């Protein structure tokens, strides 16, 4: 029993990733408000970014510059992927919020259930 607890303490960033991703998915699936769904999507994206960065961490690693006396080097690829994903995430968020504004102007509500109701009556 103590071994499992020690693993959670040693890998606290994986536990944090799981908790934050579950919160984001719960908001995305459970909420009927469209803005809350976009927020849940952003929380889930941030948890994936956290996972990539923490997975790339190496104890005692230096920058990826080859010098004399070498040593463990940090792989810059996951960090570059996260930077690219942040740009894509911002674009996705802006598009989603623009669509939410359009849905609100068309149907007068942000509730997914109410929008489906209005669409069924048309």
PDB file of N, CA and C in Angstrom:
ATOM      1  N   UNK A   1       0.828  -1.197   0.000  1.00  0.00           N
ATOM      2  CA  UNK A   1       0.000   0.000   0.000  1.00  0.00           C
ATOM      3  C   UNK A   1       0.870   1.257   0.000  1.00  0.00           C
ATOM      4  N   UNK A   2       1.922   1.226   0.782  1.00  0.00           N
ATOM      5  CA  UNK A   2       2.803   2.380   0.872  1.00  0.00           C
ATOM      6  C   UNK A   2       3.551   2.617  -0.432  1.00  0.00           C
ATOM      7  N   UNK A   3       3.829   1.541  -1.189  1.00  0.00           N
ATOM      8  CA  UNK A   3       4.522   1.682  -2.464  1.00  0.00           C
ATOM      9  C   UNK A   3       3.693   2.490  -3.455  1.00  0.00           C
ATOM     10  N   UNK A   4       2.401   2.242  -3.504  1.00  0.00           N
ATOM     11  CA  UNK A   4       1.526   2.980  -4.422  1.00  0.00           C
ATOM     12  C   UNK A   4       1.517   4.458  -4.058  1.00  0.00           C
ATOM     13  N   UNK A   5       1.480   4.769  -2.778  1.00  0.00           N
ATOM     14  CA  UNK A   5       1.493   6.166  -2.345  1.00  0.00           C
ATOM     15  C   UNK A   5       2.820   6.828  -2.717  1.00  0.00           C
ATOM     16  N   UNK A   6       3.920   6.091  -2.560  1.00  0.00           N
ATOM     17  CA  UNK A   6       5.230   6.633  -2.916  1.00  0.00           C
ATOM     18  C   UNK A   6       5.329   6.925  -4.410  1.00  0.00           C
ATOM     19  N   UNK A   7       4.717   6.090  -5.219  1.00  0.00           N
ATOM     20  CA  UNK A   7       4.715   6.333  -6.667  1.00  0.00           C
ATOM     21  C   UNK A   7       3.938   7.608  -6.982  1.00  0.00           C
ATOM     22  N   UNK A   8       2.793   7.811  -6.320  1.00  0.00           N
ATOM     23  CA  UNK A   8       2.010   9.029  -6.550  1.00  0.00           C
ATOM     24  C   UNK A   8       2.777  10.270  -6.111  1.00  0.00           C
ATOM     25  N   UNK A   9       3.496  10.177  -5.008  1.00  0.00           N
ATOM     26  CA  UNK A   9       4.266  11.321  -4.532  1.00  0.00           C
ATOM     27  C   UNK A   9       5.431  11.602  -5.474  1.00  0.00           C
ATOM     28  N   UNK A  10       6.094  10.551  -5.945  1.00  0.00           N
ATOM     29  CA  UNK A  10       7.224  10.735  -6.843  1.00  0.00           C
ATOM     30  C   UNK A  10       6.788  11.253  -8.205  1.00  0.00           C
ATOM     31  N   UNK A  11       5.616  10.875  -8.645  1.00  0.00           N
ATOM     32  CA  UNK A  11       5.104  11.290  -9.964  1.00  0.00           C
ATOM     33  C   UNK A  11       3.892  12.203  -9.802  1.00  0.00           C
ATOM     34  N   UNK A  12       4.009  13.212  -8.950  1.00  0.00           N
ATOM     35  CA  UNK A  12       2.874  14.093  -8.676  1.00  0.00           C
ATOM     36  C   UNK A  12       2.406  14.835  -9.919  1.00  0.00           C
ATOM     37  N   UNK A  13       3.278  15.061 -10.881  1.00  0.00           N
ATOM     38  CA  UNK A  13       2.875  15.764 -12.086  1.00  0.00           C
ATOM     39  C   UNK A  13       1.956  14.902 -12.950  1.00  0.00           C
ATOM     40  N   UNK A  14       2.118  13.572 -12.907  1.00  0.00           N
ATOM     41  CA  UNK A  14       1.191  12.713 -13.636  1.00  0.00           C
ATOM     42  C   UNK A  14      -0.183  12.732 -12.973  1.00  0.00           C
ATOM     43  N   UNK A  15      -0.203  12.742 -11.652  1.00  0.00           N
ATOM     44  CA  UNK A  15      -1.476  12.830 -10.933  1.00  0.00           C
ATOM     45  C   UNK A  15      -2.146  14.162 -11.241  1.00  0.00           C
ATOM     46  N   UNK A  16      -1.361  15.231 -11.264  1.00  0.00           N
ATOM     47  CA  UNK A  16      -1.911  16.550 -11.596  1.00  0.00           C
ATOM     48  C   UNK A  16      -2.476  16.551 -13.005  1.00  0.00           C
ATOM     49  N   UNK A  17      -1.765  15.946 -13.945  1.00  0.00           N
ATOM     50  CA  UNK A  17      -2.259  15.849 -15.313  1.00  0.00           C
ATOM     51  C   UNK A  17      -3.597  15.123 -15.361  1.00  0.00           C
ATOM     52  N   UNK A  18      -3.696  13.991 -14.650  1.00  0.00           N
ATOM     53  CA  UNK A  18      -4.940  13.217 -14.672  1.00  0.00           C
ATOM     54  C   UNK A  18      -6.096  13.996 -14.057  1.00  0.00           C
ATOM     55  N   UNK A  19      -5.851  14.671 -12.948  1.00  0.00           N
ATOM     56  CA  UNK A  19      -6.914  15.428 -12.280  1.00  0.00           C
ATOM     57  C   UNK A  19      -7.380  16.584 -13.163  1.00  0.00           C
ATOM     58  N   UNK A  20      -6.443  17.337 -13.715  1.00  0.00           N
ATOM     59  CA  UNK A  20      -6.808  18.493 -14.540  1.00  0.00           C
ATOM     60  C   UNK A  20      -7.501  18.041 -15.821  1.00  0.00           C
ATOM     61  N   UNK A  21      -7.035  16.955 -16.432  1.00  0.00           N
ATOM     62  CA  UNK A  21      -7.700  16.478 -17.649  1.00  0.00           C
ATOM     63  C   UNK A  21      -9.109  15.971 -17.345  1.00  0.00           C
ATOM     64  N   UNK A  22      -9.298  15.331 -16.211  1.00  0.00           N
ATOM     65  CA  UNK A  22     -10.649  14.885 -15.838  1.00  0.00           C
ATOM     66  C   UNK A  22     -11.576  16.068 -15.585  1.00  0.00           C
ATOM     67  N   UNK A  23     -11.057  17.125 -14.968  1.00  0.00           N
ATOM     68  CA  UNK A  23     -11.868  18.332 -14.750  1.00  0.00           C
ATOM     69  C   UNK A  23     -12.279  18.939 -16.088  1.00  0.00           C
ATOM     70  N   UNK A  24     -11.327  19.045 -17.015  1.00  0.00           N
ATOM     71  CA  UNK A  24     -11.632  19.605 -18.332  1.00  0.00           C
ATOM     72  C   UNK A  24     -12.635  18.765 -19.102  1.00  0.00           C
ATOM     73  N   UNK A  25     -12.457  17.448 -19.088  1.00  0.00           N
ATOM     74  CA  UNK A  25     -13.406  16.576 -19.784  1.00  0.00           C
ATOM     75  C   UNK A  25     -14.790  16.625 -19.149  1.00  0.00           C
ATOM     76  N   UNK A  26     -14.826  16.689 -17.832  1.00  0.00           N
ATOM     77  CA  UNK A  26     -16.124  16.778 -17.144  1.00  0.00           C
ATOM     78  C   UNK A  26     -16.848  18.054 -17.534  1.00  0.00           C
ATOM     79  N   UNK A  27     -16.124  19.165 -17.561  1.00  0.00           N
ATOM     80  CA  UNK A  27     -16.754  20.430 -17.975  1.00  0.00           C
ATOM     81  C   UNK A  27     -17.217  20.360 -19.420  1.00  0.00           C
ATOM     82  N   UNK A  28     -16.423  19.743 -20.259  1.00  0.00           N
ATOM     83  CA  UNK A  28     -16.750  19.652 -21.681  1.00  0.00           C
ATOM     84  C   UNK A  28     -17.995  18.803 -21.920  1.00  0.00           C
ATOM     85  N   UNK A  29     -18.120  17.708 -21.186  1.00  0.00           N
ATOM     86  CA  UNK A  29     -19.223  16.772 -21.408  1.00  0.00           C
ATOM     87  C   UNK A  29     -20.483  17.171 -20.642  1.00  0.00           C
ATOM     88  N   UNK A  30     -20.332  17.594 -19.402  1.00  0.00           N
ATOM     89  CA  UNK A  30     -21.494  17.768 -18.524  1.00  0.00           C
ATOM     90  C   UNK A  30     -22.200  19.107 -18.690  1.00  0.00           C
ATOM     91  N   UNK A  31     -21.479  20.148 -19.011  1.00  0.00           N
ATOM     92  CA  UNK A  31     -22.073  21.480 -19.034  1.00  0.00           C
ATOM     93  C   UNK A  31     -22.956  21.681 -20.264  1.00  0.00           C
ATOM     94  N   UNK A  32     -24.081  22.352 -20.049  1.00  0.00           N
ATOM     95  CA  UNK A  32     -24.973  22.676 -21.162  1.00  0.00           C
ATOM     96  C   UNK A  32     -24.660  24.059 -21.729  1.00  0.00           C
ATOM     97  N   UNK A  33     -23.910  24.872 -20.994  1.00  0.00           N
ATOM     98  CA  UNK A  33     -23.546  26.207 -21.433  1.00  0.00           C
ATOM     99  C   UNK A  33     -22.378  26.113 -22.412  1.00  0.00           C
ATOM    100  N   UNK A  34     -22.504  26.763 -23.558  1.00  0.00           N
ATOM    101  CA  UNK A  34     -21.489  26.662 -24.603  1.00  0.00           C
ATOM    102  C   UNK A  34     -20.168  27.315 -24.209  1.00  0.00           C
ATOM    103  N   UNK A  35     -20.215  28.407 -23.449  1.00  0.00           N
ATOM    104  CA  UNK A  35     -18.987  29.064 -23.016  1.00  0.00           C
ATOM    105  C   UNK A  35     -18.240  28.163 -22.030  1.00  0.00           C
ATOM    106  N   UNK A  36     -18.967  27.490 -21.149  1.00  0.00           N
ATOM    107  CA  UNK A  36     -18.332  26.565 -20.209  1.00  0.00           C
ATOM    108  C   UNK A  36     -17.696  25.386 -20.942  1.00  0.00           C
ATOM    109  N   UNK A  37     -18.300  24.978 -22.049  1.00  0.00           N
ATOM    110  CA  UNK A  37     -17.692  23.912 -22.854  1.00  0.00           C
ATOM    111  C   UNK A  37     -16.360  24.367 -23.440  1.00  0.00           C
ATOM    112  N   UNK A  38     -16.287  25.607 -23.904  1.00  0.00           N
ATOM    113  CA  UNK A  38     -15.035  26.139 -24.446  1.00  0.00           C
ATOM    114  C   UNK A  38     -13.983  26.228 -23.335  1.00  0.00           C
ATOM    115  N   UNK A  39     -14.384  26.643 -22.144  1.00  0.00           N
ATOM    116  CA  UNK A  39     -13.455  26.705 -21.008  1.00  0.00           C
ATOM    117  C   UNK A  39     -12.964  25.301 -20.654  1.00  0.00           C
ATOM    118  N   UNK A  40     -13.857  24.321 -20.651  1.00  0.00           N
ATOM    119  CA  UNK A  40     -13.464  22.935 -20.386  1.00  0.00           C
ATOM    120  C   UNK A  40     -12.480  22.424 -21.416  1.00  0.00           C
ATOM    121  N   UNK A  41     -12.686  22.784 -22.686  1.00  0.00           N
ATOM    122  CA  UNK A  41     -11.753  22.400 -23.735  1.00  0.00           C
ATOM    123  C   UNK A  41     -10.379  23.007 -23.493  1.00  0.00           C
ATOM    124  N   UNK A  42     -10.335  24.269 -23.060  1.00  0.00           N
ATOM    125  CA  UNK A  42      -9.054  24.916 -22.769  1.00  0.00           C
ATOM    126  C   UNK A  42      -8.357  24.279 -21.571  1.00  0.00           C
ATOM    127  N   UNK A  43      -9.113  23.915 -20.554  1.00  0.00           N
ATOM    128  CA  UNK A  43      -8.508  23.247 -19.397  1.00  0.00           C
ATOM    129  C   UNK A  43      -7.925  21.905 -19.816  1.00  0.00           C
ATOM    130  N   UNK A  44      -8.640  21.164 -20.642  1.00  0.00           N
ATOM    131  CA  UNK A  44      -8.125  19.888 -21.128  1.00  0.00           C
ATOM    132  C   UNK A  44      -6.857  20.089 -21.953  1.00  0.00           C
ATOM    133  N   UNK A  45      -6.836  21.107 -22.813  1.00  0.00           N
ATOM    134  CA  UNK A  45      -5.638  21.393 -23.604  1.00  0.00           C
ATOM    135  C   UNK A  45      -4.449  21.706 -22.710  1.00  0.00           C
ATOM    136  N   UNK A  46      -4.674  22.492 -21.669  1.00  0.00           N
ATOM    137  CA  UNK A  46      -3.580  22.840 -20.761  1.00  0.00           C
ATOM    138  C   UNK A  46      -3.041  21.603 -20.044  1.00  0.00           C
ATOM    139  N   UNK A  47      -3.915  20.653 -19.746  1.00  0.00           N
ATOM    140  CA  UNK A  47      -3.431  19.427 -19.098  1.00  0.00           C
ATOM    141  C   UNK A  47      -2.544  18.622 -20.047  1.00  0.00           C
ATOM    142  N   UNK A  48      -2.875  18.619 -21.319  1.00  0.00           N
ATOM    143  CA  UNK A  48      -2.028  17.923 -22.300  1.00  0.00           C
ATOM    144  C   UNK A  48      -0.678  18.631 -22.427  1.00  0.00           C
ATOM    145  N   UNK A  49      -0.680  19.964 -22.402  1.00  0.00           N
ATOM    146  CA  UNK A  49       0.580  20.709 -22.432  1.00  0.00           C
ATOM    147  C   UNK A  49       1.426  20.368 -21.216  1.00  0.00           C
ATOM    148  N   UNK A  50       0.797  20.303 -20.064  1.00  0.00           N
ATOM    149  CA  UNK A  50       1.503  19.936 -18.831  1.00  0.00           C
ATOM    150  C   UNK A  50       2.131  18.554 -18.961  1.00  0.00           C
ATOM    151  N   UNK A  51       1.390  17.632 -19.525  1.00  0.00           N
ATOM    152  CA  UNK A  51       1.906  16.275 -19.691  1.00  0.00           C
ATOM    153  C   UNK A  51       3.122  16.248 -20.605  1.00  0.00           C
ATOM    154  N   UNK A  52       3.066  16.952 -21.724  1.00  0.00           N
ATOM    155  CA  UNK A  52       4.192  16.965 -22.653  1.00  0.00           C
ATOM    156  C   UNK A  52       5.443  17.559 -22.004  1.00  0.00           C
ATOM    157  N   UNK A  53       5.279  18.662 -21.312  1.00  0.00           N
ATOM    158  CA  UNK A  53       6.441  19.321 -20.718  1.00  0.00           C
ATOM    159  C   UNK A  53       7.033  18.475 -19.601  1.00  0.00           C
ATOM    160  N   UNK A  54       6.196  17.893 -18.749  1.00  0.00           N
ATOM    161  CA  UNK A  54       6.719  17.088 -17.651  1.00  0.00           C
ATOM    162  C   UNK A  54       7.296  15.764 -18.148  1.00  0.00           C
ATOM    163  N   UNK A  55       6.776  15.238 -19.239  1.00  0.00           N
ATOM    164  CA  UNK A  55       7.330  14.001 -19.796  1.00  0.00           C
ATOM    165  C   UNK A  55       8.717  14.241 -20.381  1.00  0.00           C
ATOM    166  N   UNK A  56       8.995  15.456 -20.814  1.00  0.00           N
ATOM    167  CA  UNK A  56      10.288  15.770 -21.407  1.00  0.00           C
ATOM    168  C   UNK A  56      11.343  16.122 -20.360  1.00  0.00           C
ATOM    169  N   UNK A  57      10.939  16.262 -19.106  1.00  0.00           N
ATOM    170  CA  UNK A  57      11.882  16.653 -18.059  1.00  0.00           C
ATOM    171  C   UNK A  57      12.872  15.537 -17.766  1.00  0.00           C
ATOM    172  N   UNK A  58      14.143  15.913 -17.648  1.00  0.00           N
ATOM    173  CA  UNK A  58      15.196  14.973 -17.255  1.00  0.00           C
ATOM    174  C   UNK A  58      16.006  15.615 -16.140  1.00  0.00           C
ATOM    175  N   UNK A  59      16.219  14.879 -15.094  1.00  0.00           N
ATOM    176  CA  UNK A  59      16.982  15.379 -13.949  1.00  0.00           C
ATOM    177  C   UNK A  59      18.421  15.682 -14.370  1.00  0.00           C
ATOM    178  N   UNK A  60      18.893  16.888 -14.083  1.00  0.00           N
ATOM    179  CA  UNK A  60      20.272  17.262 -14.365  1.00  0.00           C
ATOM    180  C   UNK A  60      20.575  17.545 -15.819  1.00  0.00           C
ATOM    181  N   UNK A  61      19.557  17.607 -16.659  1.00  0.00           N
ATOM    182  CA  UNK A  61      19.790  17.843 -18.088  1.00  0.00           C
ATOM    183  C   UNK A  61      20.040  19.317 -18.351  1.00  0.00           C
ATOM    184  N   UNK A  62      20.914  19.559 -19.307  1.00  0.00           N
ATOM    185  CA  UNK A  62      21.220  20.924 -19.704  1.00  0.00           C
ATOM    186  C   UNK A  62      20.575  21.246 -21.031  1.00  0.00           C
ATOM    187  N   UNK A  63      20.816  22.456 -21.522  1.00  0.00           N
ATOM    188  CA  UNK A  63      20.259  22.815 -22.829  1.00  0.00           C
ATOM    189  C   UNK A  63      20.868  21.954 -23.936  1.00  0.00           C
ATOM    190  N   UNK A  64      20.169  21.841 -25.006  1.00  0.00           N
ATOM    191  CA  UNK A  64      20.592  20.958 -26.099  1.00  0.00           C
ATOM    192  C   UNK A  64      21.665  21.621 -26.955  1.00  0.00           C
ATOM    193  N   UNK A  65      22.759  21.998 -26.314  1.00  0.00           N
ATOM    194  CA  UNK A  65      23.913  22.553 -27.005  1.00  0.00           C
ATOM    195  C   UNK A  65      25.073  21.595 -26.781  1.00  0.00           C
ATOM    196  N   UNK A  66      25.668  21.124 -27.842  1.00  0.00           N
ATOM    197  CA  UNK A  66      26.755  20.153 -27.721  1.00  0.00           C
ATOM    198  C   UNK A  66      28.038  20.911 -27.402  1.00  0.00           C
ATOM    199  N   UNK A  67      28.577  20.622 -26.233  1.00  0.00           N
ATOM    200  CA  UNK A  67      29.821  21.254 -25.789  1.00  0.00           C
ATOM    201  C   UNK A  67      30.768  20.166 -25.284  1.00  0.00           C
ATOM    202  N   UNK A  68      31.967  20.561 -24.943  1.00  0.00           N
ATOM    203  CA  UNK A  68      32.912  19.603 -24.380  1.00  0.00           C
ATOM    204  C   UNK A  68      32.441  19.180 -22.995  1.00  0.00           C
ATOM    205  N   UNK A  69      32.727  17.962 -22.669  1.00  0.00           N
ATOM    206  CA  UNK A  69      32.346  17.468 -21.356  1.00  0.00           C
ATOM    207  C   UNK A  69      30.913  16.967 -21.308  1.00  0.00           C
ATOM    208  N   UNK A  70      30.201  17.036 -22.392  1.00  0.00           N
ATOM    209  CA  UNK A  70      28.839  16.524 -22.547  1.00  0.00           C
ATOM    210  C   UNK A  70      28.118  16.109 -21.285  1.00  0.00           C
ATOM    211  N   UNK A  71      26.958  15.686 -21.434  1.00  0.00           N
ATOM    212  CA  UNK A  71      26.144  15.247 -20.315  1.00  0.00           C
ATOM    213  C   UNK A  71      24.753  14.985 -20.821  1.00  0.00           C
ATOM    214  N   UNK A  72      23.833  14.771 -19.922  1.00  0.00           N
ATOM    215  CA  UNK A  72      22.458  14.576 -20.399  1.00  0.00           C
ATOM    216  C   UNK A  72      21.896  15.891 -20.952  1.00  0.00           C
ATOM    217  N   UNK A  73      21.260  15.786 -22.082  1.00  0.00           N
ATOM    218  CA  UNK A  73      20.680  16.958 -22.724  1.00  0.00           C
ATOM    219  C   UNK A  73      19.168  16.860 -22.700  1.00  0.00           C
ATOM    220  N   UNK A  74      18.520  18.008 -22.556  1.00  0.00           N
ATOM    221  CA  UNK A  74      17.069  18.065 -22.608  1.00  0.00           C
ATOM    222  C   UNK A  74      16.636  18.065 -24.069  1.00  0.00           C
ATOM    223  N   UNK A  75      15.626  17.286 -24.383  1.00  0.00           N
ATOM    224  CA  UNK A  75      15.106  17.236 -25.742  1.00  0.00           C
ATOM    225  C   UNK A  75      14.193  18.439 -25.949  1.00  0.00           C
ATOM    226  N   UNK A  76      14.496  19.342 -26.894  1.00  0.00           N
ATOM    227  CA  UNK A  76      13.661  20.526 -27.083  1.00  0.00           C
ATOM    228  C   UNK A  76      12.384  20.261 -27.889  1.00  0.00           C
ATOM    229  N   UNK A  77      12.271  19.094 -28.514  1.00  0.00           N
ATOM    230  CA  UNK A  77      11.126  18.822 -29.380  1.00  0.00           C
ATOM    231  C   UNK A  77       9.777  18.910 -28.660  1.00  0.00           C
ATOM    232  N   UNK A  78       9.600  18.313 -27.470  1.00  0.00           N
ATOM    233  CA  UNK A  78       8.294  18.442 -26.802  1.00  0.00           C
ATOM    234  C   UNK A  78       7.928  19.886 -26.489  1.00  0.00           C
ATOM    235  N   UNK A  79       8.917  20.698 -26.167  1.00  0.00           N
ATOM    236  CA  UNK A  79       8.626  22.092 -25.860  1.00  0.00           C
ATOM    237  C   UNK A  79       8.205  22.856 -27.115  1.00  0.00           C
ATOM    238  N   UNK A  80       8.819  22.532 -28.228  1.00  0.00           N
ATOM    239  CA  UNK A  80       8.439  23.153 -29.499  1.00  0.00           C
ATOM    240  C   UNK A  80       7.023  22.728 -29.887  1.00  0.00           C
ATOM    241  N   UNK A  81       6.709  21.463 -29.676  1.00  0.00           N
ATOM    242  CA  UNK A  81       5.362  20.978 -29.981  1.00  0.00           C
ATOM    243  C   UNK A  81       4.330  21.690 -29.113  1.00  0.00           C
ATOM    244  N   UNK A  82       4.654  21.910 -27.841  1.00  0.00           N
ATOM    245  CA  UNK A  82       3.730  22.606 -26.945  1.00  0.00           C
ATOM    246  C   UNK A  82       3.542  24.051 -27.391  1.00  0.00           C
ATOM    247  N   UNK A  83       4.622  24.720 -27.806  1.00  0.00           N
ATOM    248  CA  UNK A  83       4.475  26.096 -28.297  1.00  0.00           C
ATOM    249  C   UNK A  83       3.566  26.150 -29.523  1.00  0.00           C
ATOM    250  N   UNK A  84       3.728  25.201 -30.425  1.00  0.00           N
ATOM    251  CA  UNK A  84       2.860  25.140 -31.599  1.00  0.00           C
ATOM    252  C   UNK A  84       1.420  24.845 -31.189  1.00  0.00           C
ATOM    253  N   UNK A  85       1.246  23.941 -30.238  1.00  0.00           N
ATOM    254  CA  UNK A  85      -0.101  23.594 -29.777  1.00  0.00           C
ATOM    255  C   UNK A  85      -0.777  24.770 -29.076  1.00  0.00           C
ATOM    256  N   UNK A  86      -0.008  25.612 -28.401  1.00  0.00           N
ATOM    257  CA  UNK A  86      -0.596  26.800 -27.767  1.00  0.00           C
ATOM    258  C   UNK A  86      -1.161  27.730 -28.823  1.00  0.00           C
ATOM    259  N   UNK A  87      -0.425  27.924 -29.903  1.00  0.00           N
ATOM    260  CA  UNK A  87      -0.912  28.775 -30.995  1.00  0.00           C
ATOM    261  C   UNK A  87      -2.183  28.187 -31.599  1.00  0.00           C
ATOM    262  N   UNK A  88      -2.188  26.884 -31.833  1.00  0.00           N
ATOM    263  CA  UNK A  88      -3.381  26.230 -32.378  1.00  0.00           C
ATOM    264  C   UNK A  88      -4.542  26.325 -31.381  1.00  0.00           C
ATOM    265  N   UNK A  89      -4.250  26.178 -30.095  1.00  0.00           N
ATOM    266  CA  UNK A  89      -5.284  26.272 -29.064  1.00  0.00           C
ATOM    267  C   UNK A  89      -5.912  27.653 -28.994  1.00  0.00           C
ATOM    268  N   UNK A  90      -5.092  28.689 -29.116  1.00  0.00           N
ATOM    269  CA  UNK A  90      -5.626  30.058 -29.116  1.00  0.00           C
ATOM    270  C   UNK A  90      -6.524  30.269 -30.333  1.00  0.00           C
ATOM    271  N   UNK A  91      -6.104  29.769 -31.481  1.00  0.00           N
ATOM    272  CA  UNK A  91      -6.922  29.890 -32.695  1.00  0.00           C
ATOM    273  C   UNK A  91      -8.236  29.140 -32.542  1.00  0.00           C
ATOM    274  N   UNK A  92      -8.175  27.946 -31.995  1.00  0.00           N
ATOM    275  CA  UNK A  92      -9.375  27.151 -31.773  1.00  0.00           C
ATOM    276  C   UNK A  92     -10.327  27.837 -30.795  1.00  0.00           C
ATOM    277  N   UNK A  93      -9.771  28.412 -29.734  1.00  0.00           N
ATOM    278  CA  UNK A  93     -10.600  29.112 -28.753  1.00  0.00           C
ATOM    279  C   UNK A  93     -11.276  30.326 -29.372  1.00  0.00           C
ATOM    280  N   UNK A  94     -10.538  31.098 -30.159  1.00  0.00           N
ATOM    281  CA  UNK A  94     -11.139  32.279 -30.778  1.00  0.00           C
ATOM    282  C   UNK A  94     -12.234  31.891 -31.768  1.00  0.00           C
ATOM    283  N   UNK A  95     -12.021  30.829 -32.520  1.00  0.00           N
ATOM    284  CA  UNK A  95     -13.048  30.360 -33.444  1.00  0.00           C
ATOM    285  C   UNK A  95     -14.273  29.853 -32.693  1.00  0.00           C
ATOM    286  N   UNK A  96     -14.052  29.096 -31.624  1.00  0.00           N
ATOM    287  CA  UNK A  96     -15.168  28.566 -30.837  1.00  0.00           C
ATOM    288  C   UNK A  96     -15.972  29.699 -30.210  1.00  0.00           C
ATOM    289  N   UNK A  97     -15.298  30.710 -29.682  1.00  0.00           N
ATOM    290  CA  UNK A  97     -16.023  31.836 -29.080  1.00  0.00           C
ATOM    291  C   UNK A  97     -16.760  32.655 -30.133  1.00  0.00           C
ATOM    292  N   UNK A  98     -16.190  32.770 -31.326  1.00  0.00           N
ATOM    293  CA  UNK A  98     -16.906  33.455 -32.409  1.00  0.00           C
ATOM    294  C   UNK A  98     -18.170  32.685 -32.785  1.00  0.00           C
ATOM    295  N   UNK A  99     -18.081  31.360 -32.818  1.00  0.00           N
ATOM    296  CA  UNK A  99     -19.273  30.555 -33.097  1.00  0.00           C
ATOM    297  C   UNK A  99     -20.300  30.662 -31.970  1.00  0.00           C
ATOM    298  N   UNK A 100     -19.836  30.750 -30.735  1.00  0.00           N
ATOM    299  CA  UNK A 100     -20.759  30.912 -29.608  1.00  0.00           C
ATOM    300  C   UNK A 100     -21.487  32.246 -29.715  1.00  0.00           C
ATOM    301  N   UNK A 101     -20.762  33.306 -30.093  1.00  0.00           N
ATOM    302  CA  UNK A 101     -21.401  34.613 -30.275  1.00  0.00           C
ATOM    303  C   UNK A 101     -22.444  34.542 -31.386  1.00  0.00           C
ATOM    304  N   UNK A 102     -22.114  33.849 -32.465  1.00  0.00           N
ATOM    305  CA  UNK A 102     -23.066  33.695 -33.584  1.00  0.00           C
ATOM    306  C   UNK A 102     -24.291  32.897 -33.166  1.00  0.00           C
ATOM    307  N   UNK A 103     -24.101  31.825 -32.391  1.00  0.00           N
ATOM    308  CA  UNK A 103     -25.227  31.029 -31.899  1.00  0.00           C
ATOM    309  C   UNK A 103     -26.098  31.878 -30.985  1.00  0.00           C
ATOM    310  N   UNK A 104     -25.472  32.684 -30.137  1.00  0.00           N
ATOM    311  CA  UNK A 104     -26.257  33.534 -29.231  1.00  0.00           C
ATOM    312  C   UNK A 104     -27.061  34.578 -30.003  1.00  0.00           C
ATOM    313  N   UNK A 105     -26.459  35.159 -31.037  1.00  0.00           N
ATOM    314  CA  UNK A 105     -27.194  36.159 -31.818  1.00  0.00           C
ATOM    315  C   UNK A 105     -28.333  35.526 -32.608  1.00  0.00           C
ATOM    316  N   UNK A 106     -28.179  34.262 -33.001  1.00  0.00           N
ATOM    317  CA  UNK A 106     -29.215  33.573 -33.773  1.00  0.00           C
ATOM    318  C   UNK A 106     -30.346  33.047 -32.893  1.00  0.00           C
ATOM    319  N   UNK A 107     -29.988  32.439 -31.750  1.00  0.00           N
ATOM    320  CA  UNK A 107     -30.987  31.755 -30.920  1.00  0.00           C
ATOM    321  C   UNK A 107     -31.287  32.463 -29.607  1.00  0.00           C
ATOM    322  N   UNK A 108     -30.488  33.440 -29.222  1.00  0.00           N
ATOM    323  CA  UNK A 108     -30.751  34.192 -28.001  1.00  0.00           C
ATOM    324  C   UNK A 108     -30.452  33.441 -26.716  1.00  0.00           C
ATOM    325  N   UNK A 109     -29.678  32.380 -26.783  1.00  0.00           N
ATOM    326  CA  UNK A 109     -29.331  31.606 -25.595  1.00  0.00           C
ATOM    327  C   UNK A 109     -27.978  30.924 -25.795  1.00  0.00           C
ATOM    328  N   UNK A 110     -27.344  30.588 -24.668  1.00  0.00           N
ATOM    329  CA  UNK A 110     -26.095  29.840 -24.719  1.00  0.00           C
ATOM    330  C   UNK A 110     -26.275  28.407 -24.254  1.00  0.00           C
ATOM    331  N   UNK A 111     -27.497  28.038 -23.915  1.00  0.00           N
ATOM    332  CA  UNK A 111     -27.781  26.687 -23.449  1.00  0.00           C
ATOM    333  C   UNK A 111     -27.919  25.746 -24.646  1.00  0.00           C
ATOM    334  N   UNK A 112     -27.151  24.673 -24.605  1.00  0.00           N
ATOM    335  CA  UNK A 112     -27.186  23.704 -25.695  1.00  0.00           C
ATOM    336  C   UNK A 112     -28.570  23.066 -25.826  1.00  0.00           C
ATOM    337  N   UNK A 113     -29.198  22.778 -24.690  1.00  0.00           N
ATOM    338  CA  UNK A 113     -30.528  22.167 -24.710  1.00  0.00           C
ATOM    339  C   UNK A 113     -31.559  23.100 -25.341  1.00  0.00           C
ATOM    340  N   UNK A 114     -31.485  24.362 -24.985  1.00  0.00           N
ATOM    341  CA  UNK A 114     -32.438  25.343 -25.530  1.00  0.00           C
ATOM    342  C   UNK A 114     -32.229  25.536 -27.037  1.00  0.00           C
ATOM    343  N   UNK A 115     -30.967  25.542 -27.478  1.00  0.00           N
ATOM    344  CA  UNK A 115     -30.681  25.682 -28.909  1.00  0.00           C
ATOM    345  C   UNK A 115     -31.247  24.487 -29.672  1.00  0.00           C
ATOM    346  N   UNK A 116     -31.075  23.275 -29.140  1.00  0.00           N
ATOM    347  CA  UNK A 116     -31.643  22.082 -29.788  1.00  0.00           C
ATOM    348  C   UNK A 116     -33.165  22.159 -29.834  1.00  0.00           C
ATOM    349  N   UNK A 117     -33.766  22.676 -28.774  1.00  0.00           N
ATOM    350  CA  UNK A 117     -35.217  22.836 -28.726  1.00  0.00           C
ATOM    351  C   UNK A 117     -35.712  23.785 -29.807  1.00  0.00           C
ATOM    352  N   UNK A 118     -35.036  24.925 -29.926  1.00  0.00           N
ATOM    353  CA  UNK A 118     -35.420  25.922 -30.930  1.00  0.00           C
ATOM    354  C   UNK A 118     -35.213  25.362 -32.338  1.00  0.00           C
ATOM    355  N   UNK A 119     -34.126  24.624 -32.544  1.00  0.00           N
ATOM    356  CA  UNK A 119     -33.863  24.056 -33.863  1.00  0.00           C
ATOM    357  C   UNK A 119     -34.906  23.006 -34.227  1.00  0.00           C
ATOM    358  N   UNK A 120     -35.389  22.257 -33.254  1.00  0.00           N
ATOM    359  CA  UNK A 120     -36.388  21.218 -33.509  1.00  0.00           C
ATOM    360  C   UNK A 120     -37.733  21.859 -33.886  1.00  0.00           C
ATOM    361  N   UNK A 121     -38.025  23.036 -33.332  1.00  0.00           N
ATOM    362  CA  UNK A 121     -39.296  23.709 -33.607  1.00  0.00           C
ATOM    363  C   UNK A 121     -39.302  24.443 -34.936  1.00  0.00           C
ATOM    364  N   UNK A 122     -38.125  24.646 -35.522  1.00  0.00           N
ATOM    365  CA  UNK A 122     -38.075  25.369 -36.800  1.00  0.00           C
ATOM    366  C   UNK A 122     -38.440  24.524 -37.963  1.00  0.00           C
TER     367      UNK A 122
END
